[in-house]
Amino acid sequence: AVSARARLARPDETPPAPPEAVWDRVVHELSAAGELSTVTPLPTRPVW
């Protein structure tokens, strides 16, 4: 369903940014697992 929604996104559409707590948890888990060496903040408006 996520994939289907992403395929329908318009070039000028701005997807909502996830809550900071969600992003922080992803970063924490990846860092703890040694899978993330440098963390770049999630952009609020990706460039299409």
All heavy atoms as atom14 arrays in JSON, in Angstrom:
{
  "sequence": "AVSARARLARPDETPPAPPEAVWDRVVHELSAAGELSTVTPLPTRPVW",
  "atom14_mask": [
    [1, 1, 1, 1, 1, 0, 0, 0, 0, 0, 0, 0, 0, 0],
    [1, 1, 1, 1, 1, 1, 1, 0, 0, 0, 0, 0, 0, 0],
    [1, 1, 1, 1, 1, 1, 0, 0, 0, 0, 0, 0, 0, 0],
    [1, 1, 1, 1, 1, 0, 0, 0, 0, 0, 0, 0, 0, 0],
    [1, 1, 1, 1, 1, 1, 1, 1, 1, 1, 1, 0, 0, 0],
    [1, 1, 1, 1, 1, 0, 0, 0, 0, 0, 0, 0, 0, 0],
    [1, 1, 1, 1, 1, 1, 1, 1, 1, 1, 1, 0, 0, 0],
    [1, 1, 1, 1, 1, 1, 1, 1, 0, 0, 0, 0, 0, 0],
    [1, 1, 1, 1, 1, 0, 0, 0, 0, 0, 0, 0, 0, 0],
    [1, 1, 1, 1, 1, 1, 1, 1, 1, 1, 1, 0, 0, 0],
    [1, 1, 1, 1, 1, 1, 1, 0, 0, 0, 0, 0, 0, 0],
    [1, 1, 1, 1, 1, 1, 1, 1, 0, 0, 0, 0, 0, 0],
    [1, 1, 1, 1, 1, 1, 1, 1, 1, 0, 0, 0, 0, 0],
    [1, 1, 1, 1, 1, 1, 1, 0, 0, 0, 0, 0, 0, 0],
    [1, 1, 1, 1, 1, 1, 1, 0, 0, 0, 0, 0, 0, 0],
    [1, 1, 1, 1, 1, 1, 1, 0, 0, 0, 0, 0, 0, 0],
    [1, 1, 1, 1, 1, 0, 0, 0, 0, 0, 0, 0, 0, 0],
    [1, 1, 1, 1, 1, 1, 1, 0, 0, 0, 0, 0, 0, 0],
    [1, 1, 1, 1, 1, 1, 1, 0, 0, 0, 0, 0, 0, 0],
    [1, 1, 1, 1, 1, 1, 1, 1, 1, 0, 0, 0, 0, 0],
    [1, 1, 1, 1, 1, 0, 0, 0, 0, 0, 0, 0, 0, 0],
    [1, 1, 1, 1, 1, 1, 1, 0, 0, 0, 0, 0, 0, 0],
    [1, 1, 1, 1, 1, 1, 1, 1, 1, 1, 1, 1, 1, 1],
    [1, 1, 1, 1, 1, 1, 1, 1, 0, 0, 0, 0, 0, 0],
    [1, 1, 1, 1, 1, 1, 1, 1, 1, 1, 1, 0, 0, 0],
    [1, 1, 1, 1, 1, 1, 1, 0, 0, 0, 0, 0, 0, 0],
    [1, 1, 1, 1, 1, 1, 1, 0, 0, 0, 0, 0, 0, 0],
    [1, 1, 1, 1, 1, 1, 1, 1, 1, 1, 0, 0, 0, 0],
    [1, 1, 1, 1, 1, 1, 1, 1, 1, 0, 0, 0, 0, 0],
    [1, 1, 1, 1, 1, 1, 1, 1, 0, 0, 0, 0, 0, 0],
    [1, 1, 1, 1, 1, 1, 0, 0, 0, 0, 0, 0, 0, 0],
    [1, 1, 1, 1, 1, 0, 0, 0, 0, 0, 0, 0, 0, 0],
    [1, 1, 1, 1, 1, 0, 0, 0, 0, 0, 0, 0, 0, 0],
    [1, 1, 1, 1, 0, 0, 0, 0, 0, 0, 0, 0, 0, 0],
    [1, 1, 1, 1, 1, 1, 1, 1, 1, 0, 0, 0, 0, 0],
    [1, 1, 1, 1, 1, 1, 1, 1, 0, 0, 0, 0, 0, 0],
    [1, 1, 1, 1, 1, 1, 0, 0, 0, 0, 0, 0, 0, 0],
    [1, 1, 1, 1, 1, 1, 1, 0, 0, 0, 0, 0, 0, 0],
    [1, 1, 1, 1, 1, 1, 1, 0, 0, 0, 0, 0, 0, 0],
    [1, 1, 1, 1, 1, 1, 1, 0, 0, 0, 0, 0, 0, 0],
    [1, 1, 1, 1, 1, 1, 1, 0, 0, 0, 0, 0, 0, 0],
    [1, 1, 1, 1, 1, 1, 1, 1, 0, 0, 0, 0, 0, 0],
    [1, 1, 1, 1, 1, 1, 1, 0, 0, 0, 0, 0, 0, 0],
    [1, 1, 1, 1, 1, 1, 1, 0, 0, 0, 0, 0, 0, 0],
    [1, 1, 1, 1, 1, 1, 1, 1, 1, 1, 1, 0, 0, 0],
    [1, 1, 1, 1, 1, 1, 1, 0, 0, 0, 0, 0, 0, 0],
    [1, 1, 1, 1, 1, 1, 1, 0, 0, 0, 0, 0, 0, 0],
    [1, 1, 1, 1, 1, 1, 1, 1, 1, 1, 1, 1, 1, 1]
  ],
  "atom14_positions": [
    [[0.84, -1.2, 0.0], [0.0, 0.0, 0.0], [0.87, 1.25, 0.0], [0.58, 2.24, -0.69], [-0.93, 0.0, 1.21], [0.0, 0.0, 0.0], [0.0, 0.0, 0.0], [0.0, 0.0, 0.0], [0.0, 0.0, 0.0], [0.0, 0.0, 0.0], [0.0, 0.0, 0.0], [0.0, 0.0, 0.0], [0.0, 0.0, 0.0], [0.0, 0.0, 0.0]],
    [[1.97, 1.22, 0.78], [2.91, 2.35, 0.79], [3.5, 2.55, -0.6], [3.6, 3.67, -1.11], [4.03, 2.11, 1.82], [5.14, 3.15, 1.68], [3.47, 2.13, 3.24], [0.0, 0.0, 0.0], [0.0, 0.0, 0.0], [0.0, 0.0, 0.0], [0.0, 0.0, 0.0], [0.0, 0.0, 0.0], [0.0, 0.0, 0.0], [0.0, 0.0, 0.0]],
    [[3.9, 1.44, -1.24], [4.48, 1.52, -2.59], [3.48, 2.1, -3.58], [3.83, 2.97, -4.39], [4.93, 0.13, -3.04], [5.38, 0.15, -4.37], [0.0, 0.0, 0.0], [0.0, 0.0, 0.0], [0.0, 0.0, 0.0], [0.0, 0.0, 0.0], [0.0, 0.0, 0.0], [0.0, 0.0, 0.0], [0.0, 0.0, 0.0], [0.0, 0.0, 0.0]],
    [[2.23, 1.62, -3.51], [1.21, 2.11, -4.44], [0.97, 3.6, -4.24], [0.82, 4.36, -5.2], [-0.09, 1.33, -4.24], [0.0, 0.0, 0.0], [0.0, 0.0, 0.0], [0.0, 0.0, 0.0], [0.0, 0.0, 0.0], [0.0, 0.0, 0.0], [0.0, 0.0, 0.0], [0.0, 0.0, 0.0], [0.0, 0.0, 0.0], [0.0, 0.0, 0.0]],
    [[0.93, 4.04, -2.97], [0.73, 5.47, -2.69], [1.91, 6.3, -3.18], [1.73, 7.39, -3.74], [0.54, 5.69, -1.19], [0.35, 7.14, -0.79], [-0.92, 7.7, -1.41], [-1.07, 9.13, -1.14], [-0.58, 10.09, -1.9], [0.11, 9.78, -3.0], [-0.76, 11.35, -1.58], [0.0, 0.0, 0.0], [0.0, 0.0, 0.0], [0.0, 0.0, 0.0]],
    [[3.12, 5.77, -3.01], [4.31, 6.51, -3.48], [4.3, 6.67, -4.99], [4.69, 7.71, -5.52], [5.57, 5.79, -3.01], [0.0, 0.0, 0.0], [0.0, 0.0, 0.0], [0.0, 0.0, 0.0], [0.0, 0.0, 0.0], [0.0, 0.0, 0.0], [0.0, 0.0, 0.0], [0.0, 0.0, 0.0], [0.0, 0.0, 0.0], [0.0, 0.0, 0.0]],
    [[3.84, 5.66, -5.7], [3.82, 5.72, -7.16], [2.81, 6.76, -7.67], [2.94, 7.26, -8.78], [3.47, 4.35, -7.74], [4.53, 3.29, -7.5], [4.07, 1.93, -7.99], [4.95, 0.87, -7.5], [6.08, 0.5, -8.06], [6.47, 1.11, -9.17], [6.81, -0.46, -7.56], [0.0, 0.0, 0.0], [0.0, 0.0, 0.0], [0.0, 0.0, 0.0]],
    [[1.8, 7.06, -6.84], [0.78, 8.02, -7.25], [1.14, 9.47, -6.9], [0.41, 10.39, -7.25], [-0.56, 7.67, -6.59], [-1.2, 6.35, -7.06], [-2.44, 6.07, -6.22], [-1.56, 6.41, -8.54], [0.0, 0.0, 0.0], [0.0, 0.0, 0.0], [0.0, 0.0, 0.0], [0.0, 0.0, 0.0], [0.0, 0.0, 0.0], [0.0, 0.0, 0.0]],
    [[2.25, 9.66, -6.19], [2.63, 10.99, -5.75], [2.92, 11.9, -6.94], [3.57, 11.51, -7.9], [3.85, 10.93, -4.84], [0.0, 0.0, 0.0], [0.0, 0.0, 0.0], [0.0, 0.0, 0.0], [0.0, 0.0, 0.0], [0.0, 0.0, 0.0], [0.0, 0.0, 0.0], [0.0, 0.0, 0.0], [0.0, 0.0, 0.0], [0.0, 0.0, 0.0]],
    [[2.42, 13.13, -6.88], [2.68, 14.11, -7.93], [4.07, 14.7, -7.76], [4.6, 14.75, -6.65], [1.64, 15.23, -7.86], [0.21, 14.78, -8.01], [-0.71, 16.0, -8.07], [-0.46, 16.93, -6.99], [-1.04, 16.83, -5.78], [-1.89, 15.83, -5.53], [-0.78, 17.71, -4.85], [0.0, 0.0, 0.0], [0.0, 0.0, 0.0], [0.0, 0.0, 0.0]],
    [[4.67, 15.19, -8.85], [6.01, 15.78, -8.73], [6.06, 16.95, -7.76], [7.09, 17.19, -7.14], [6.32, 16.23, -10.17], [5.48, 15.34, -11.03], [4.22, 15.1, -10.25], [0.0, 0.0, 0.0], [0.0, 0.0, 0.0], [0.0, 0.0, 0.0], [0.0, 0.0, 0.0], [0.0, 0.0, 0.0], [0.0, 0.0, 0.0], [0.0, 0.0, 0.0]],
    [[4.94, 17.7, -7.62], [4.95, 18.86, -6.75], [4.39, 18.56, -5.37], [4.18, 19.47, -4.56], [4.15, 20.01, -7.38], [2.68, 19.63, -7.6], [2.37, 18.42, -7.55], [1.86, 20.54, -7.83], [0.0, 0.0, 0.0], [0.0, 0.0, 0.0], [0.0, 0.0, 0.0], [0.0, 0.0, 0.0], [0.0, 0.0, 0.0], [0.0, 0.0, 0.0]],
    [[4.13, 17.28, -5.08], [3.51, 16.93, -3.81], [4.56, 16.83, -2.72], [5.62, 16.24, -2.91], [2.77, 15.6, -3.95], [2.02, 15.2, -2.69], [1.22, 13.93, -2.89], [1.17, 13.44, -4.04], [0.64, 13.43, -1.92], [0.0, 0.0, 0.0], [0.0, 0.0, 0.0], [0.0, 0.0, 0.0], [0.0, 0.0, 0.0], [0.0, 0.0, 0.0]],
    [[4.25, 17.39, -1.56], [5.15, 17.32, -0.42], [4.61, 16.31, 0.58], [3.57, 16.56, 1.2], [5.28, 18.68, 0.29], [5.75, 19.64, -0.66], [6.24, 18.59, 1.46], [0.0, 0.0, 0.0], [0.0, 0.0, 0.0], [0.0, 0.0, 0.0], [0.0, 0.0, 0.0], [0.0, 0.0, 0.0], [0.0, 0.0, 0.0], [0.0, 0.0, 0.0]],
    [[5.25, 15.18, 0.72], [4.74, 14.21, 1.69], [4.95, 14.72, 3.11], [5.9, 15.47, 3.38], [5.62, 12.97, 1.43], [6.86, 13.51, 0.82], [6.47, 14.73, 0.05], [0.0, 0.0, 0.0], [0.0, 0.0, 0.0], [0.0, 0.0, 0.0], [0.0, 0.0, 0.0], [0.0, 0.0, 0.0], [0.0, 0.0, 0.0], [0.0, 0.0, 0.0]],
    [[4.08, 14.36, 4.04], [4.24, 14.82, 5.42], [5.48, 14.22, 6.05], [5.81, 13.05, 5.8], [2.97, 14.31, 6.11], [2.54, 13.15, 5.27], [2.92, 13.5, 3.87], [0.0, 0.0, 0.0], [0.0, 0.0, 0.0], [0.0, 0.0, 0.0], [0.0, 0.0, 0.0], [0.0, 0.0, 0.0], [0.0, 0.0, 0.0], [0.0, 0.0, 0.0]],
    [[6.18, 15.03, 6.82], [7.36, 14.52, 7.53], [6.9, 13.67, 8.7], [5.9, 13.97, 9.35], [8.19, 15.7, 8.05], [0.0, 0.0, 0.0], [0.0, 0.0, 0.0], [0.0, 0.0, 0.0], [0.0, 0.0, 0.0], [0.0, 0.0, 0.0], [0.0, 0.0, 0.0], [0.0, 0.0, 0.0], [0.0, 0.0, 0.0], [0.0, 0.0, 0.0]],
    [[7.63, 12.57, 8.99], [7.24, 11.75, 10.14], [7.52, 12.5, 11.44], [8.36, 13.41, 11.47], [8.16, 10.53, 10.0], [9.34, 11.04, 9.26], [8.82, 12.07, 8.31], [0.0, 0.0, 0.0], [0.0, 0.0, 0.0], [0.0, 0.0, 0.0], [0.0, 0.0, 0.0], [0.0, 0.0, 0.0], [0.0, 0.0, 0.0], [0.0, 0.0, 0.0]],
    [[6.85, 12.14, 12.53], [7.15, 12.77, 13.81], [8.62, 12.59, 14.18], [9.23, 11.57, 13.85], [6.24, 12.0, 14.79], [5.16, 11.43, 13.94], [5.78, 11.15, 12.6], [0.0, 0.0, 0.0], [0.0, 0.0, 0.0], [0.0, 0.0, 0.0], [0.0, 0.0, 0.0], [0.0, 0.0, 0.0], [0.0, 0.0, 0.0], [0.0, 0.0, 0.0]],
    [[9.17, 13.59, 14.85], [10.59, 13.53, 15.2], [10.91, 12.3, 16.03], [11.98, 11.7, 15.89], [11.0, 14.8, 15.96], [11.06, 16.04, 15.08], [11.64, 17.23, 15.84], [12.15, 17.02, 16.96], [11.58, 18.34, 15.32], [0.0, 0.0, 0.0], [0.0, 0.0, 0.0], [0.0, 0.0, 0.0], [0.0, 0.0, 0.0], [0.0, 0.0, 0.0]],
    [[9.98, 11.89, 16.9], [10.23, 10.73, 17.76], [10.43, 9.46, 16.94], [11.25, 8.61, 17.28], [9.07, 10.54, 18.74], [0.0, 0.0, 0.0], [0.0, 0.0, 0.0], [0.0, 0.0, 0.0], [0.0, 0.0, 0.0], [0.0, 0.0, 0.0], [0.0, 0.0, 0.0], [0.0, 0.0, 0.0], [0.0, 0.0, 0.0], [0.0, 0.0, 0.0]],
    [[9.68, 9.33, 15.83], [9.83, 8.16, 14.97], [11.2, 8.15, 14.32], [11.92, 7.14, 14.32], [8.72, 8.13, 13.91], [8.99, 7.02, 12.89], [7.36, 7.94, 14.55], [0.0, 0.0, 0.0], [0.0, 0.0, 0.0], [0.0, 0.0, 0.0], [0.0, 0.0, 0.0], [0.0, 0.0, 0.0], [0.0, 0.0, 0.0], [0.0, 0.0, 0.0]],
    [[11.59, 9.29, 13.75], [12.91, 9.39, 13.11], [14.02, 9.16, 14.12], [14.99, 8.44, 13.85], [13.05, 10.74, 12.45], [14.37, 10.97, 11.76], [15.31, 11.91, 12.06], [14.92, 10.21, 10.68], [16.38, 11.78, 11.22], [16.18, 10.76, 10.36], [14.44, 9.13, 9.94], [16.97, 10.25, 9.35], [15.24, 8.62, 8.92], [16.49, 9.19, 8.64]],
    [[13.88, 9.73, 15.32], [14.9, 9.55, 16.35], [15.06, 8.08, 16.7], [16.17, 7.59, 16.93], [14.55, 10.35, 17.61], [14.72, 11.85, 17.4], [15.37, 12.24, 16.41], [14.19, 12.63, 18.22], [0.0, 0.0, 0.0], [0.0, 0.0, 0.0], [0.0, 0.0, 0.0], [0.0, 0.0, 0.0], [0.0, 0.0, 0.0], [0.0, 0.0, 0.0]],
    [[13.92, 7.34, 16.76], [14.01, 5.93, 17.11], [14.68, 5.12, 16.02], [15.49, 4.23, 16.29], [12.61, 5.37, 17.4], [12.67, 3.92, 17.88], [11.35, 3.43, 18.39], [11.48, 2.08, 18.87], [10.47, 1.34, 19.3], [9.26, 1.85, 19.31], [10.66, 0.1, 19.74], [0.0, 0.0, 0.0], [0.0, 0.0, 0.0], [0.0, 0.0, 0.0]],
    [[14.37, 5.44, 14.76], [15.02, 4.75, 13.65], [16.54, 4.98, 13.71], [17.34, 4.06, 13.59], [14.46, 5.23, 12.29], [15.29, 4.68, 11.14], [13.01, 4.8, 12.14], [0.0, 0.0, 0.0], [0.0, 0.0, 0.0], [0.0, 0.0, 0.0], [0.0, 0.0, 0.0], [0.0, 0.0, 0.0], [0.0, 0.0, 0.0], [0.0, 0.0, 0.0]],
    [[16.93, 6.24, 13.9], [18.35, 6.58, 14.0], [19.0, 5.83, 15.15], [20.1, 5.27, 15.02], [18.54, 8.1, 14.16], [19.98, 8.43, 14.5], [18.11, 8.82, 12.89], [0.0, 0.0, 0.0], [0.0, 0.0, 0.0], [0.0, 0.0, 0.0], [0.0, 0.0, 0.0], [0.0, 0.0, 0.0], [0.0, 0.0, 0.0], [0.0, 0.0, 0.0]],
    [[18.34, 5.8, 16.31], [18.89, 5.12, 17.48], [19.1, 3.63, 17.21], [20.16, 3.06, 17.51], [17.96, 5.31, 18.67], [18.36, 4.5, 19.88], [19.41, 4.85, 20.69], [17.85, 3.34, 20.38], [19.54, 3.95, 21.65], [18.6, 3.03, 21.48], [0.0, 0.0, 0.0], [0.0, 0.0, 0.0], [0.0, 0.0, 0.0], [0.0, 0.0, 0.0]],
    [[18.09, 2.99, 16.61], [18.19, 1.55, 16.36], [19.29, 1.25, 15.36], [20.07, 0.3, 15.54], [16.84, 1.02, 15.84], [15.7, 1.1, 16.84], [15.81, 0.03, 17.92], [16.66, -0.87, 17.78], [15.06, 0.11, 18.9], [0.0, 0.0, 0.0], [0.0, 0.0, 0.0], [0.0, 0.0, 0.0], [0.0, 0.0, 0.0], [0.0, 0.0, 0.0]],
    [[19.36, 2.03, 14.28], [20.4, 1.79, 13.28], [21.78, 2.05, 13.85], [22.74, 1.33, 13.56], [20.15, 2.65, 12.05], [18.92, 2.3, 11.21], [18.75, 3.3, 10.07], [19.04, 0.89, 10.64], [0.0, 0.0, 0.0], [0.0, 0.0, 0.0], [0.0, 0.0, 0.0], [0.0, 0.0, 0.0], [0.0, 0.0, 0.0], [0.0, 0.0, 0.0]],
    [[21.92, 3.09, 14.66], [23.21, 3.41, 15.26], [23.65, 2.31, 16.21], [24.8, 1.88, 16.23], [23.13, 4.75, 16.0], [22.81, 5.8, 15.12], [0.0, 0.0, 0.0], [0.0, 0.0, 0.0], [0.0, 0.0, 0.0], [0.0, 0.0, 0.0], [0.0, 0.0, 0.0], [0.0, 0.0, 0.0], [0.0, 0.0, 0.0], [0.0, 0.0, 0.0]],
    [[22.69, 1.82, 17.02], [23.01, 0.76, 17.97], [23.43, -0.52, 17.27], [24.25, -1.29, 17.77], [21.8, 0.48, 18.88], [0.0, 0.0, 0.0], [0.0, 0.0, 0.0], [0.0, 0.0, 0.0], [0.0, 0.0, 0.0], [0.0, 0.0, 0.0], [0.0, 0.0, 0.0], [0.0, 0.0, 0.0], [0.0, 0.0, 0.0], [0.0, 0.0, 0.0]],
    [[22.86, -0.75, 16.08], [23.19, -1.95, 15.33], [24.46, -1.79, 14.5], [24.88, -2.72, 13.81], [22.03, -2.32, 14.41], [0.0, 0.0, 0.0], [0.0, 0.0, 0.0], [0.0, 0.0, 0.0], [0.0, 0.0, 0.0], [0.0, 0.0, 0.0], [0.0, 0.0, 0.0], [0.0, 0.0, 0.0], [0.0, 0.0, 0.0], [0.0, 0.0, 0.0]],
    [[25.06, -0.59, 14.54], [26.26, -0.34, 13.76], [26.01, -0.19, 12.29], [26.93, -0.33, 11.48], [0.0, 0.0, 0.0], [0.0, 0.0, 0.0], [0.0, 0.0, 0.0], [0.0, 0.0, 0.0], [0.0, 0.0, 0.0], [0.0, 0.0, 0.0], [0.0, 0.0, 0.0], [0.0, 0.0, 0.0], [0.0, 0.0, 0.0], [0.0, 0.0, 0.0]],
    [[24.76, 0.09, 11.92], [24.4, 0.2, 10.51], [24.33, 1.64, 10.03], [23.98, 1.9, 8.89], [23.06, -0.49, 10.27], [23.08, -1.97, 10.59], [21.72, -2.61, 10.44], [20.82, -1.92, 9.91], [21.56, -3.77, 10.82], [0.0, 0.0, 0.0], [0.0, 0.0, 0.0], [0.0, 0.0, 0.0], [0.0, 0.0, 0.0], [0.0, 0.0, 0.0]],
    [[24.66, 2.57, 10.89], [24.56, 3.98, 10.53], [25.74, 4.71, 11.13], [25.89, 4.76, 12.35], [23.24, 4.55, 11.07], [22.8, 5.91, 10.56], [22.49, 5.85, 9.07], [21.57, 6.38, 11.32], [0.0, 0.0, 0.0], [0.0, 0.0, 0.0], [0.0, 0.0, 0.0], [0.0, 0.0, 0.0], [0.0, 0.0, 0.0], [0.0, 0.0, 0.0]],
    [[26.6, 5.25, 10.3], [27.78, 5.93, 10.81], [27.58, 7.43, 10.87], [28.06, 8.1, 11.78], [29.0, 5.61, 9.93], [28.73, 5.96, 8.58], [0.0, 0.0, 0.0], [0.0, 0.0, 0.0], [0.0, 0.0, 0.0], [0.0, 0.0, 0.0], [0.0, 0.0, 0.0], [0.0, 0.0, 0.0], [0.0, 0.0, 0.0], [0.0, 0.0, 0.0]],
    [[26.88, 7.99, 9.91], [26.63, 9.42, 9.88], [25.15, 9.66, 9.68], [24.57, 9.11, 8.75], [27.4, 10.11, 8.73], [28.79, 9.83, 8.89], [27.16, 11.61, 8.76], [0.0, 0.0, 0.0], [0.0, 0.0, 0.0], [0.0, 0.0, 0.0], [0.0, 0.0, 0.0], [0.0, 0.0, 0.0], [0.0, 0.0, 0.0], [0.0, 0.0, 0.0]],
    [[24.54, 10.42, 10.55], [23.11, 10.65, 10.49], [22.83, 11.99, 9.85], [23.35, 13.01, 10.28], [22.49, 10.62, 11.9], [21.01, 10.93, 11.83], [22.74, 9.27, 12.54], [0.0, 0.0, 0.0], [0.0, 0.0, 0.0], [0.0, 0.0, 0.0], [0.0, 0.0, 0.0], [0.0, 0.0, 0.0], [0.0, 0.0, 0.0], [0.0, 0.0, 0.0]],
    [[22.04, 12.0, 8.8], [21.61, 13.22, 8.15], [20.15, 13.45, 8.49], [19.33, 12.54, 8.33], [21.74, 13.12, 6.62], [23.11, 12.84, 6.31], [21.3, 14.41, 5.95], [0.0, 0.0, 0.0], [0.0, 0.0, 0.0], [0.0, 0.0, 0.0], [0.0, 0.0, 0.0], [0.0, 0.0, 0.0], [0.0, 0.0, 0.0], [0.0, 0.0, 0.0]],
    [[19.78, 14.63, 9.0], [18.38, 14.87, 9.35], [17.46, 14.61, 8.17], [17.81, 14.9, 7.02], [18.37, 16.35, 9.76], [19.78, 16.64, 10.15], [20.64, 15.78, 9.27], [0.0, 0.0, 0.0], [0.0, 0.0, 0.0], [0.0, 0.0, 0.0], [0.0, 0.0, 0.0], [0.0, 0.0, 0.0], [0.0, 0.0, 0.0], [0.0, 0.0, 0.0]],
    [[16.29, 14.04, 8.46], [15.32, 13.76, 7.41], [14.81, 15.07, 6.84], [14.33, 15.93, 7.58], [14.16, 12.95, 7.99], [13.16, 12.4, 6.99], [13.84, 11.32, 6.15], [11.94, 11.82, 7.7], [0.0, 0.0, 0.0], [0.0, 0.0, 0.0], [0.0, 0.0, 0.0], [0.0, 0.0, 0.0], [0.0, 0.0, 0.0], [0.0, 0.0, 0.0]],
    [[14.86, 15.27, 5.53], [14.36, 16.52, 4.96], [12.85, 16.59, 5.06], [12.16, 15.58, 4.98], [14.81, 16.43, 3.5], [14.95, 14.97, 3.24], [15.41, 14.36, 4.52], [0.0, 0.0, 0.0], [0.0, 0.0, 0.0], [0.0, 0.0, 0.0], [0.0, 0.0, 0.0], [0.0, 0.0, 0.0], [0.0, 0.0, 0.0], [0.0, 0.0, 0.0]],
    [[12.33, 17.8, 5.26], [10.88, 17.97, 5.33], [10.28, 18.14, 3.95], [9.1, 17.94, 3.77], [10.54, 19.22, 6.17], [11.18, 20.36, 5.58], [11.04, 19.06, 7.6], [0.0, 0.0, 0.0], [0.0, 0.0, 0.0], [0.0, 0.0, 0.0], [0.0, 0.0, 0.0], [0.0, 0.0, 0.0], [0.0, 0.0, 0.0], [0.0, 0.0, 0.0]],
    [[11.07, 18.5, 2.94], [10.56, 18.65, 1.57], [11.56, 18.03, 0.61], [12.53, 18.65, 0.21], [10.34, 20.12, 1.25], [9.84, 20.35, -0.19], [9.65, 21.81, -0.47], [8.54, 22.37, 0.24], [7.28, 22.37, -0.18], [6.98, 21.82, -1.33], [6.32, 22.91, 0.54], [0.0, 0.0, 0.0], [0.0, 0.0, 0.0], [0.0, 0.0, 0.0]],
    [[11.36, 16.76, 0.24], [12.3, 16.14, -0.69], [12.23, 16.79, -2.06], [11.21, 17.33, -2.46], [11.83, 14.68, -0.74], [10.4, 14.74, -0.36], [10.26, 15.89, 0.6], [0.0, 0.0, 0.0], [0.0, 0.0, 0.0], [0.0, 0.0, 0.0], [0.0, 0.0, 0.0], [0.0, 0.0, 0.0], [0.0, 0.0, 0.0], [0.0, 0.0, 0.0]],
    [[13.33, 16.73, -2.78], [13.39, 17.29, -4.13], [13.02, 16.2, -5.11], [13.65, 15.15, -5.18], [14.81, 17.82, -4.44], [14.87, 18.35, -5.86], [15.2, 18.9, -3.43], [0.0, 0.0, 0.0], [0.0, 0.0, 0.0], [0.0, 0.0, 0.0], [0.0, 0.0, 0.0], [0.0, 0.0, 0.0], [0.0, 0.0, 0.0], [0.0, 0.0, 0.0]],
    [[11.94, 16.44, -5.89], [11.48, 15.45, -6.86], [12.09, 15.77, -8.23], [12.21, 16.89, -8.62], [9.96, 15.49, -6.97], [9.28, 15.09, -5.72], [8.95, 15.89, -4.68], [8.85, 13.78, -5.36], [8.36, 15.17, -3.69], [8.27, 13.88, -4.08], [8.9, 12.54, -6.0], [7.74, 12.77, -3.43], [8.38, 11.45, -5.35], [7.81, 11.57, -4.09]]
  ]
}
